[in-house]
């Protein structure tokens, strides 16, 4: 697992203030830049996404534009 992470760096981020449909939409849109998917719905209004660095960065920028709550890594 360590070796796979070194070959394909990635991470996770909690997105606040977007519903499931909006999260899926920003992940789909950002997938043009890299891998990113919804990973865990913690509670209504908080979903964790995961993917490679480029996909996460693109998704976080899109998410910030769609919610006042923003995001947290």
PDB file of N, CA and C in Angstrom:
ATOM      1  N   UNK A   1       0.821  -1.180   0.000  1.00  0.00           N
ATOM      2  CA  UNK A   1       0.000   0.000   0.000  1.00  0.00           C
ATOM      3  C   UNK A   1       0.873   1.255   0.000  1.00  0.00           C
ATOM      4  N   UNK A   2       1.936   1.235   0.768  1.00  0.00           N
ATOM      5  CA  UNK A   2       2.859   2.375   0.801  1.00  0.00           C
ATOM      6  C   UNK A   2       3.436   2.635  -0.588  1.00  0.00           C
ATOM      7  N   UNK A   3       3.861   1.573  -1.245  1.00  0.00           N
ATOM      8  CA  UNK A   3       4.445   1.702  -2.576  1.00  0.00           C
ATOM      9  C   UNK A   3       3.422   2.246  -3.578  1.00  0.00           C
ATOM     10  N   UNK A   4       2.189   1.763  -3.513  1.00  0.00           N
ATOM     11  CA  UNK A   4       1.140   2.254  -4.417  1.00  0.00           C
ATOM     12  C   UNK A   4       0.881   3.731  -4.185  1.00  0.00           C
ATOM     13  N   UNK A   5       0.903   4.166  -2.921  1.00  0.00           N
ATOM     14  CA  UNK A   5       0.698   5.576  -2.599  1.00  0.00           C
ATOM     15  C   UNK A   5       1.826   6.456  -3.089  1.00  0.00           C
ATOM     16  N   UNK A   6       3.028   5.925  -3.105  1.00  0.00           N
ATOM     17  CA  UNK A   6       4.166   6.695  -3.616  1.00  0.00           C
ATOM     18  C   UNK A   6       4.098   6.829  -5.134  1.00  0.00           C
ATOM     19  N   UNK A   7       3.617   5.789  -5.810  1.00  0.00           N
ATOM     20  CA  UNK A   7       3.494   5.814  -7.262  1.00  0.00           C
ATOM     21  C   UNK A   7       2.326   6.710  -7.689  1.00  0.00           C
ATOM     22  N   UNK A   8       1.229   6.659  -6.939  1.00  0.00           N
ATOM     23  CA  UNK A   8       0.017   7.434  -7.248  1.00  0.00           C
ATOM     24  C   UNK A   8      -0.407   8.237  -6.027  1.00  0.00           C
ATOM     25  N   UNK A   9       0.254   9.391  -5.763  1.00  0.00           N
ATOM     26  CA  UNK A   9      -0.094  10.168  -4.566  1.00  0.00           C
ATOM     27  C   UNK A   9      -1.543  10.653  -4.615  1.00  0.00           C
ATOM     28  N   UNK A  10      -2.165  10.675  -3.476  1.00  0.00           N
ATOM     29  CA  UNK A  10      -3.544  11.132  -3.399  1.00  0.00           C
ATOM     30  C   UNK A  10      -3.889  11.542  -1.991  1.00  0.00           C
ATOM     31  N   UNK A  11      -5.163  11.695  -1.747  1.00  0.00           N
ATOM     32  CA  UNK A  11      -5.596  12.104  -0.420  1.00  0.00           C
ATOM     33  C   UNK A  11      -7.102  12.121  -0.325  1.00  0.00           C
ATOM     34  N   UNK A  12      -7.566  12.800   0.714  1.00  0.00           N
ATOM     35  CA  UNK A  12      -8.995  12.919   0.981  1.00  0.00           C
ATOM     36  C   UNK A  12      -9.286  14.346   1.430  1.00  0.00           C
ATOM     37  N   UNK A  13     -10.524  14.767   1.244  1.00  0.00           N
ATOM     38  CA  UNK A  13     -10.960  16.084   1.704  1.00  0.00           C
ATOM     39  C   UNK A  13     -12.429  16.004   2.094  1.00  0.00           C
ATOM     40  N   UNK A  14     -12.803  16.714   3.137  1.00  0.00           N
ATOM     41  CA  UNK A  14     -14.209  16.804   3.537  1.00  0.00           C
ATOM     42  C   UNK A  14     -14.812  18.040   2.893  1.00  0.00           C
ATOM     43  N   UNK A  15     -15.890  17.848   2.162  1.00  0.00           N
ATOM     44  CA  UNK A  15     -16.597  18.947   1.516  1.00  0.00           C
ATOM     45  C   UNK A  15     -17.830  19.256   2.355  1.00  0.00           C
ATOM     46  N   UNK A  16     -17.985  20.509   2.729  1.00  0.00           N
ATOM     47  CA  UNK A  16     -19.101  20.934   3.573  1.00  0.00           C
ATOM     48  C   UNK A  16     -20.087  21.774   2.777  1.00  0.00           C
ATOM     49  N   UNK A  17     -21.356  21.539   3.009  1.00  0.00           N
ATOM     50  CA  UNK A  17     -22.384  22.413   2.466  1.00  0.00           C
ATOM     51  C   UNK A  17     -22.919  22.065   1.094  1.00  0.00           C
ATOM     52  N   UNK A  18     -22.536  20.931   0.536  1.00  0.00           N
ATOM     53  CA  UNK A  18     -23.079  20.514  -0.753  1.00  0.00           C
ATOM     54  C   UNK A  18     -23.881  19.225  -0.574  1.00  0.00           C
ATOM     55  N   UNK A  19     -24.972  19.093  -1.324  1.00  0.00           N
ATOM     56  CA  UNK A  19     -25.744  17.859  -1.255  1.00  0.00           C
ATOM     57  C   UNK A  19     -25.092  16.786  -2.128  1.00  0.00           C
ATOM     58  N   UNK A  20     -25.614  15.572  -2.042  1.00  0.00           N
ATOM     59  CA  UNK A  20     -25.017  14.436  -2.745  1.00  0.00           C
ATOM     60  C   UNK A  20     -24.940  14.659  -4.256  1.00  0.00           C
ATOM     61  N   UNK A  21     -25.976  15.237  -4.827  1.00  0.00           N
ATOM     62  CA  UNK A  21     -26.003  15.473  -6.268  1.00  0.00           C
ATOM     63  C   UNK A  21     -24.922  16.469  -6.686  1.00  0.00           C
ATOM     64  N   UNK A  22     -24.754  17.530  -5.913  1.00  0.00           N
ATOM     65  CA  UNK A  22     -23.730  18.526  -6.221  1.00  0.00           C
ATOM     66  C   UNK A  22     -22.328  17.936  -6.086  1.00  0.00           C
ATOM     67  N   UNK A  23     -22.119  17.119  -5.053  1.00  0.00           N
ATOM     68  CA  UNK A  23     -20.823  16.455  -4.876  1.00  0.00           C
ATOM     69  C   UNK A  23     -20.519  15.568  -6.083  1.00  0.00           C
ATOM     70  N   UNK A  24     -21.487  14.765  -6.490  1.00  0.00           N
ATOM     71  CA  UNK A  24     -21.290  13.891  -7.649  1.00  0.00           C
ATOM     72  C   UNK A  24     -20.984  14.708  -8.895  1.00  0.00           C
ATOM     73  N   UNK A  25     -21.656  15.839  -9.062  1.00  0.00           N
ATOM     74  CA  UNK A  25     -21.445  16.697 -10.220  1.00  0.00           C
ATOM     75  C   UNK A  25     -20.034  17.286 -10.237  1.00  0.00           C
ATOM     76  N   UNK A  26     -19.569  17.828  -9.108  1.00  0.00           N
ATOM     77  CA  UNK A  26     -18.224  18.417  -9.099  1.00  0.00           C
ATOM     78  C   UNK A  26     -17.157  17.336  -9.274  1.00  0.00           C
ATOM     79  N   UNK A  27     -17.383  16.145  -8.733  1.00  0.00           N
ATOM     80  CA  UNK A  27     -16.435  15.047  -8.936  1.00  0.00           C
ATOM     81  C   UNK A  27     -16.379  14.645 -10.409  1.00  0.00           C
ATOM     82  N   UNK A  28     -17.550  14.542 -11.053  1.00  0.00           N
ATOM     83  CA  UNK A  28     -17.585  14.199 -12.482  1.00  0.00           C
ATOM     84  C   UNK A  28     -16.845  15.253 -13.301  1.00  0.00           C
ATOM     85  N   UNK A  29     -17.111  16.506 -13.018  1.00  0.00           N
ATOM     86  CA  UNK A  29     -16.473  17.592 -13.762  1.00  0.00           C
ATOM     87  C   UNK A  29     -14.965  17.581 -13.551  1.00  0.00           C
ATOM     88  N   UNK A  30     -14.531  17.420 -12.317  1.00  0.00           N
ATOM     89  CA  UNK A  30     -13.101  17.439 -11.999  1.00  0.00           C
ATOM     90  C   UNK A  30     -12.381  16.194 -12.490  1.00  0.00           C
ATOM     91  N   UNK A  31     -13.102  15.142 -12.799  1.00  0.00           N
ATOM     92  CA  UNK A  31     -12.462  13.915 -13.275  1.00  0.00           C
ATOM     93  C   UNK A  31     -11.710  14.122 -14.581  1.00  0.00           C
ATOM     94  N   UNK A  32     -11.972  15.217 -15.281  1.00  0.00           N
ATOM     95  CA  UNK A  32     -11.193  15.546 -16.474  1.00  0.00           C
ATOM     96  C   UNK A  32      -9.744  15.850 -16.104  1.00  0.00           C
ATOM     97  N   UNK A  33      -9.515  16.283 -14.856  1.00  0.00           N
ATOM     98  CA  UNK A  33      -8.171  16.631 -14.391  1.00  0.00           C
ATOM     99  C   UNK A  33      -7.489  15.505 -13.625  1.00  0.00           C
ATOM    100  N   UNK A  34      -8.242  14.547 -13.122  1.00  0.00           N
ATOM    101  CA  UNK A  34      -7.668  13.448 -12.349  1.00  0.00           C
ATOM    102  C   UNK A  34      -8.770  12.636 -11.707  1.00  0.00           C
ATOM    103  N   UNK A  35      -8.363  11.599 -10.996  1.00  0.00           N
ATOM    104  CA  UNK A  35      -9.319  10.707 -10.350  1.00  0.00           C
ATOM    105  C   UNK A  35      -9.840  11.344  -9.070  1.00  0.00           C
ATOM    106  N   UNK A  36     -11.156  11.372  -8.902  1.00  0.00           N
ATOM    107  CA  UNK A  36     -11.773  11.849  -7.663  1.00  0.00           C
ATOM    108  C   UNK A  36     -13.188  11.287  -7.569  1.00  0.00           C
ATOM    109  N   UNK A  37     -13.540  10.796  -6.385  1.00  0.00           N
ATOM    110  CA  UNK A  37     -14.857  10.188  -6.176  1.00  0.00           C
ATOM    111  C   UNK A  37     -15.354  10.499  -4.769  1.00  0.00           C
ATOM    112  N   UNK A  38     -16.691  10.532  -4.575  1.00  0.00           N
ATOM    113  CA  UNK A  38     -17.217  10.603  -3.213  1.00  0.00           C
ATOM    114  C   UNK A  38     -16.816   9.327  -2.474  1.00  0.00           C
ATOM    115  N   UNK A  39     -16.299   9.455  -1.264  1.00  0.00           N
ATOM    116  CA  UNK A  39     -15.799   8.290  -0.541  1.00  0.00           C
ATOM    117  C   UNK A  39     -16.641   7.943   0.682  1.00  0.00           C
ATOM    118  N   UNK A  40     -17.167   8.952   1.369  1.00  0.00           N
ATOM    119  CA  UNK A  40     -17.916   8.682   2.595  1.00  0.00           C
ATOM    120  C   UNK A  40     -18.834   9.856   2.899  1.00  0.00           C
ATOM    121  N   UNK A  41     -20.079   9.561   3.165  1.00  0.00           N
ATOM    122  CA  UNK A  41     -21.026  10.595   3.577  1.00  0.00           C
ATOM    123  C   UNK A  41     -21.062  10.580   5.104  1.00  0.00           C
ATOM    124  N   UNK A  42     -20.404  11.541   5.714  1.00  0.00           N
ATOM    125  CA  UNK A  42     -20.334  11.585   7.176  1.00  0.00           C
ATOM    126  C   UNK A  42     -21.672  11.942   7.805  1.00  0.00           C
ATOM    127  N   UNK A  43     -22.343  12.916   7.227  1.00  0.00           N
ATOM    128  CA  UNK A  43     -23.646  13.373   7.699  1.00  0.00           C
ATOM    129  C   UNK A  43     -24.208  14.283   6.621  1.00  0.00           C
ATOM    130  N   UNK A  44     -25.482  14.655   6.699  1.00  0.00           N
ATOM    131  CA  UNK A  44     -26.009  15.586   5.697  1.00  0.00           C
ATOM    132  C   UNK A  44     -25.167  16.863   5.679  1.00  0.00           C
ATOM    133  N   UNK A  45     -24.698  17.218   4.495  1.00  0.00           N
ATOM    134  CA  UNK A  45     -23.896  18.434   4.359  1.00  0.00           C
ATOM    135  C   UNK A  45     -22.407  18.230   4.543  1.00  0.00           C
ATOM    136  N   UNK A  46     -21.949  16.994   4.787  1.00  0.00           N
ATOM    137  CA  UNK A  46     -20.517  16.736   4.901  1.00  0.00           C
ATOM    138  C   UNK A  46     -20.191  15.400   4.239  1.00  0.00           C
ATOM    139  N   UNK A  47     -19.475  15.488   3.126  1.00  0.00           N
ATOM    140  CA  UNK A  47     -19.079  14.303   2.377  1.00  0.00           C
ATOM    141  C   UNK A  47     -17.575  14.320   2.170  1.00  0.00           C
ATOM    142  N   UNK A  48     -16.938  13.176   2.346  1.00  0.00           N
ATOM    143  CA  UNK A  48     -15.509  13.048   2.104  1.00  0.00           C
ATOM    144  C   UNK A  48     -15.306  12.557   0.680  1.00  0.00           C
ATOM    145  N   UNK A  49     -14.375  13.206  -0.016  1.00  0.00           N
ATOM    146  CA  UNK A  49     -14.001  12.775  -1.354  1.00  0.00           C
ATOM    147  C   UNK A  49     -12.566  12.253  -1.298  1.00  0.00           C
ATOM    148  N   UNK A  50     -12.227  11.401  -2.252  1.00  0.00           N
ATOM    149  CA  UNK A  50     -10.854  10.909  -2.308  1.00  0.00           C
ATOM    150  C   UNK A  50     -10.422  10.792  -3.759  1.00  0.00           C
ATOM    151  N   UNK A  51      -9.116  10.863  -3.960  1.00  0.00           N
ATOM    152  CA  UNK A  51      -8.590  10.737  -5.310  1.00  0.00           C
ATOM    153  C   UNK A  51      -7.150  11.161  -5.386  1.00  0.00           C
ATOM    154  N   UNK A  52      -6.686  11.334  -6.621  1.00  0.00           N
ATOM    155  CA  UNK A  52      -5.314  11.787  -6.781  1.00  0.00           C
ATOM    156  C   UNK A  52      -5.243  13.296  -6.550  1.00  0.00           C
ATOM    157  N   UNK A  53      -4.035  13.804  -6.430  1.00  0.00           N
ATOM    158  CA  UNK A  53      -3.840  15.202  -6.046  1.00  0.00           C
ATOM    159  C   UNK A  53      -4.500  16.160  -7.029  1.00  0.00           C
ATOM    160  N   UNK A  54      -4.302  15.954  -8.321  1.00  0.00           N
ATOM    161  CA  UNK A  54      -4.890  16.866  -9.317  1.00  0.00           C
ATOM    162  C   UNK A  54      -6.412  16.841  -9.281  1.00  0.00           C
ATOM    163  N   UNK A  55      -6.996  15.653  -9.150  1.00  0.00           N
ATOM    164  CA  UNK A  55      -8.450  15.539  -9.076  1.00  0.00           C
ATOM    165  C   UNK A  55      -9.014  16.209  -7.838  1.00  0.00           C
ATOM    166  N   UNK A  56      -8.346  16.033  -6.706  1.00  0.00           N
ATOM    167  CA  UNK A  56      -8.798  16.674  -5.463  1.00  0.00           C
ATOM    168  C   UNK A  56      -8.721  18.185  -5.560  1.00  0.00           C
ATOM    169  N   UNK A  57      -7.613  18.694  -6.073  1.00  0.00           N
ATOM    170  CA  UNK A  57      -7.463  20.148  -6.192  1.00  0.00           C
ATOM    171  C   UNK A  57      -8.546  20.738  -7.086  1.00  0.00           C
ATOM    172  N   UNK A  58      -8.814  20.096  -8.219  1.00  0.00           N
ATOM    173  CA  UNK A  58      -9.848  20.580  -9.131  1.00  0.00           C
ATOM    174  C   UNK A  58     -11.221  20.540  -8.468  1.00  0.00           C
ATOM    175  N   UNK A  59     -11.519  19.464  -7.757  1.00  0.00           N
ATOM    176  CA  UNK A  59     -12.813  19.338  -7.090  1.00  0.00           C
ATOM    177  C   UNK A  59     -12.973  20.380  -5.999  1.00  0.00           C
ATOM    178  N   UNK A  60     -11.941  20.629  -5.220  1.00  0.00           N
ATOM    179  CA  UNK A  60     -12.030  21.619  -4.148  1.00  0.00           C
ATOM    180  C   UNK A  60     -12.291  23.014  -4.708  1.00  0.00           C
ATOM    181  N   UNK A  61     -11.670  23.350  -5.833  1.00  0.00           N
ATOM    182  CA  UNK A  61     -11.925  24.655  -6.444  1.00  0.00           C
ATOM    183  C   UNK A  61     -13.374  24.762  -6.909  1.00  0.00           C
ATOM    184  N   UNK A  62     -13.876  23.716  -7.548  1.00  0.00           N
ATOM    185  CA  UNK A  62     -15.274  23.715  -7.995  1.00  0.00           C
ATOM    186  C   UNK A  62     -16.226  23.785  -6.809  1.00  0.00           C
ATOM    187  N   UNK A  63     -15.937  23.023  -5.761  1.00  0.00           N
ATOM    188  CA  UNK A  63     -16.812  22.992  -4.582  1.00  0.00           C
ATOM    189  C   UNK A  63     -16.844  24.348  -3.891  1.00  0.00           C
ATOM    190  N   UNK A  64     -15.706  25.018  -3.799  1.00  0.00           N
ATOM    191  CA  UNK A  64     -15.667  26.339  -3.153  1.00  0.00           C
ATOM    192  C   UNK A  64     -16.574  27.325  -3.872  1.00  0.00           C
ATOM    193  N   UNK A  65     -16.675  27.179  -5.177  1.00  0.00           N
ATOM    194  CA  UNK A  65     -17.524  28.065  -5.950  1.00  0.00           C
ATOM    195  C   UNK A  65     -19.010  27.765  -5.798  1.00  0.00           C
ATOM    196  N   UNK A  66     -19.356  26.602  -5.249  1.00  0.00           N
ATOM    197  CA  UNK A  66     -20.754  26.193  -5.167  1.00  0.00           C
ATOM    198  C   UNK A  66     -21.322  26.229  -3.762  1.00  0.00           C
ATOM    199  N   UNK A  67     -20.514  26.551  -2.756  1.00  0.00           N
ATOM    200  CA  UNK A  67     -21.006  26.580  -1.396  1.00  0.00           C
ATOM    201  C   UNK A  67     -20.327  27.679  -0.594  1.00  0.00           C
ATOM    202  N   UNK A  68     -21.035  28.239   0.333  1.00  0.00           N
ATOM    203  CA  UNK A  68     -20.438  29.231   1.224  1.00  0.00           C
ATOM    204  C   UNK A  68     -19.589  28.564   2.305  1.00  0.00           C
ATOM    205  N   UNK A  69     -19.932  27.326   2.634  1.00  0.00           N
ATOM    206  CA  UNK A  69     -19.217  26.636   3.712  1.00  0.00           C
ATOM    207  C   UNK A  69     -17.799  26.267   3.310  1.00  0.00           C
ATOM    208  N   UNK A  70     -17.560  26.080   1.991  1.00  0.00           N
ATOM    209  CA  UNK A  70     -16.222  25.758   1.525  1.00  0.00           C
ATOM    210  C   UNK A  70     -15.846  24.309   1.756  1.00  0.00           C
ATOM    211  N   UNK A  71     -14.599  24.081   2.030  1.00  0.00           N
ATOM    212  CA  UNK A  71     -14.077  22.723   2.182  1.00  0.00           C
ATOM    213  C   UNK A  71     -13.012  22.713   3.241  1.00  0.00           C
ATOM    214  N   UNK A  72     -12.738  21.539   3.736  1.00  0.00           N
ATOM    215  CA  UNK A  72     -11.637  21.345   4.673  1.00  0.00           C
ATOM    216  C   UNK A  72     -10.881  20.099   4.288  1.00  0.00           C
ATOM    217  N   UNK A  73      -9.586  20.145   4.380  1.00  0.00           N
ATOM    218  CA  UNK A  73      -8.765  18.979   4.079  1.00  0.00           C
ATOM    219  C   UNK A  73      -8.393  18.296   5.373  1.00  0.00           C
TER     220      UNK A  73
END
